[in-house]
Amino acid sequence: MKKLLENIANLVKVKTLVTLAVVFVFIVKTMRGDIETDSIMFIVGTVTAFYFGTVTEKKL
C-alpha cells in the first residue's frame, strides 16, 4: 500500500501534469481542426520525449 501511495504521489508532480495537459490540449485542438496533424505530432512528441528523457535520467 505504501508503494502505491508513493507511485500516486510521483504521478502528481508538476512535469507530469504539464505533459498530460499539453497532450490533452493538443489532442482536443486537433480533433476540433484548429491545428494541423503534423504540428500536433511534432509538439506532443517533443514534450513527451523530454518528459520521459528526464524521468529515465533520474532513475539512472
C-alpha atoms as a PDB file:
ATOM      1  CA  MET A   1       0.000   0.000   0.000  1.00  0.00           C
ATOM      2  CA  LYS A   2       2.861   2.376   0.806  1.00  0.00           C
ATOM      3  CA  LYS A   3       4.412   1.747  -2.605  1.00  0.00           C
ATOM      4  CA  LEU A   4       1.076   2.521  -4.274  1.00  0.00           C
ATOM      5  CA  LEU A   5       0.807   5.843  -2.463  1.00  0.00           C
ATOM      6  CA  GLU A   6       4.370   6.728  -3.455  1.00  0.00           C
ATOM      7  CA  ASN A   7       3.589   5.960  -7.085  1.00  0.00           C
ATOM      8  CA  ILE A   8       0.462   8.120  -6.990  1.00  0.00           C
ATOM      9  CA  ALA A   9       2.434  10.963  -5.418  1.00  0.00           C
ATOM     10  CA  ASN A  10       5.008  10.708  -8.210  1.00  0.00           C
ATOM     11  CA  LEU A  11       2.259  10.997 -10.825  1.00  0.00           C
ATOM     12  CA  VAL A  12       1.154  14.338  -9.446  1.00  0.00           C
ATOM     13  CA  LYS A  13       4.472  16.045  -9.971  1.00  0.00           C
ATOM     14  CA  VAL A  14       4.496  19.224 -11.977  1.00  0.00           C
ATOM     15  CA  LYS A  15       6.238  17.821 -15.048  1.00  0.00           C
ATOM     16  CA  THR A  16       3.725  15.009 -15.272  1.00  0.00           C
ATOM     17  CA  LEU A  17       0.798  17.400 -15.060  1.00  0.00           C
ATOM     18  CA  VAL A  18       2.299  19.737 -17.636  1.00  0.00           C
ATOM     19  CA  THR A  19       2.985  16.871 -20.031  1.00  0.00           C
ATOM     20  CA  LEU A  20      -0.521  15.472 -19.679  1.00  0.00           C
ATOM     21  CA  ALA A  21      -2.053  18.939 -20.061  1.00  0.00           C
ATOM     22  CA  VAL A  22      -0.072  19.651 -23.234  1.00  0.00           C
ATOM     23  CA  VAL A  23      -1.025  16.306 -24.746  1.00  0.00           C
ATOM     24  CA  PHE A  24      -4.696  16.788 -23.829  1.00  0.00           C
ATOM     25  CA  VAL A  25      -4.904  20.357 -25.170  1.00  0.00           C
ATOM     26  CA  PHE A  26      -3.285  19.481 -28.461  1.00  0.00           C
ATOM     27  CA  ILE A  27      -5.433  16.364 -28.909  1.00  0.00           C
ATOM     28  CA  VAL A  28      -8.586  18.422 -28.362  1.00  0.00           C
ATOM     29  CA  LYS A  29      -7.398  21.184 -30.700  1.00  0.00           C
ATOM     30  CA  THR A  30      -6.525  18.646 -33.374  1.00  0.00           C
ATOM     31  CA  MET A  31      -9.903  16.940 -33.104  1.00  0.00           C
ATOM     32  CA  ARG A  32     -11.600  20.340 -33.482  1.00  0.00           C
ATOM     33  CA  GLY A  33      -9.480  21.091 -36.536  1.00  0.00           C
ATOM     34  CA  ASP A  34      -7.665  24.060 -35.016  1.00  0.00           C
ATOM     35  CA  ILE A  35      -4.181  22.567 -35.529  1.00  0.00           C
ATOM     36  CA  GLU A  36      -2.667  20.603 -38.392  1.00  0.00           C
ATOM     37  CA  THR A  37      -1.881  16.951 -37.681  1.00  0.00           C
ATOM     38  CA  ASP A  38       1.822  17.418 -38.461  1.00  0.00           C
ATOM     39  CA  SER A  39       2.099  20.179 -35.848  1.00  0.00           C
ATOM     40  CA  ILE A  40       0.443  18.092 -33.153  1.00  0.00           C
ATOM     41  CA  MET A  41       2.737  15.135 -33.787  1.00  0.00           C
ATOM     42  CA  PHE A  42       5.827  17.337 -33.511  1.00  0.00           C
ATOM     43  CA  ILE A  43       4.757  19.215 -30.372  1.00  0.00           C
ATOM     44  CA  VAL A  44       3.416  16.233 -28.434  1.00  0.00           C
ATOM     45  CA  GLY A  45       6.384  14.108 -29.493  1.00  0.00           C
ATOM     46  CA  THR A  46       8.838  16.746 -28.308  1.00  0.00           C
ATOM     47  CA  VAL A  47       7.148  17.261 -24.940  1.00  0.00           C
ATOM     48  CA  THR A  48       6.734  13.528 -24.338  1.00  0.00           C
ATOM     49  CA  ALA A  49      10.335  12.748 -25.316  1.00  0.00           C
ATOM     50  CA  PHE A  50      11.613  15.480 -22.992  1.00  0.00           C
ATOM     51  CA  TYR A  51       9.483  14.208 -20.115  1.00  0.00           C
ATOM     52  CA  PHE A  52      10.466  10.551 -20.486  1.00  0.00           C
ATOM     53  CA  GLY A  53      14.084  11.527 -21.077  1.00  0.00           C
ATOM     54  CA  THR A  54      14.260  13.374 -17.763  1.00  0.00           C
ATOM     55  CA  VAL A  55      12.446  10.590 -15.917  1.00  0.00           C
ATOM     56  CA  THR A  56      14.827   7.959 -17.287  1.00  0.00           C
ATOM     57  CA  GLU A  57      17.836  10.115 -16.457  1.00  0.00           C
ATOM     58  CA  LYS A  58      16.754  10.421 -12.810  1.00  0.00           C
ATOM     59  CA  LYS A  59      16.434   6.629 -12.447  1.00  0.00           C
ATOM     60  CA  LEU A  60      19.960   6.007 -13.727  1.00  0.00           C
END
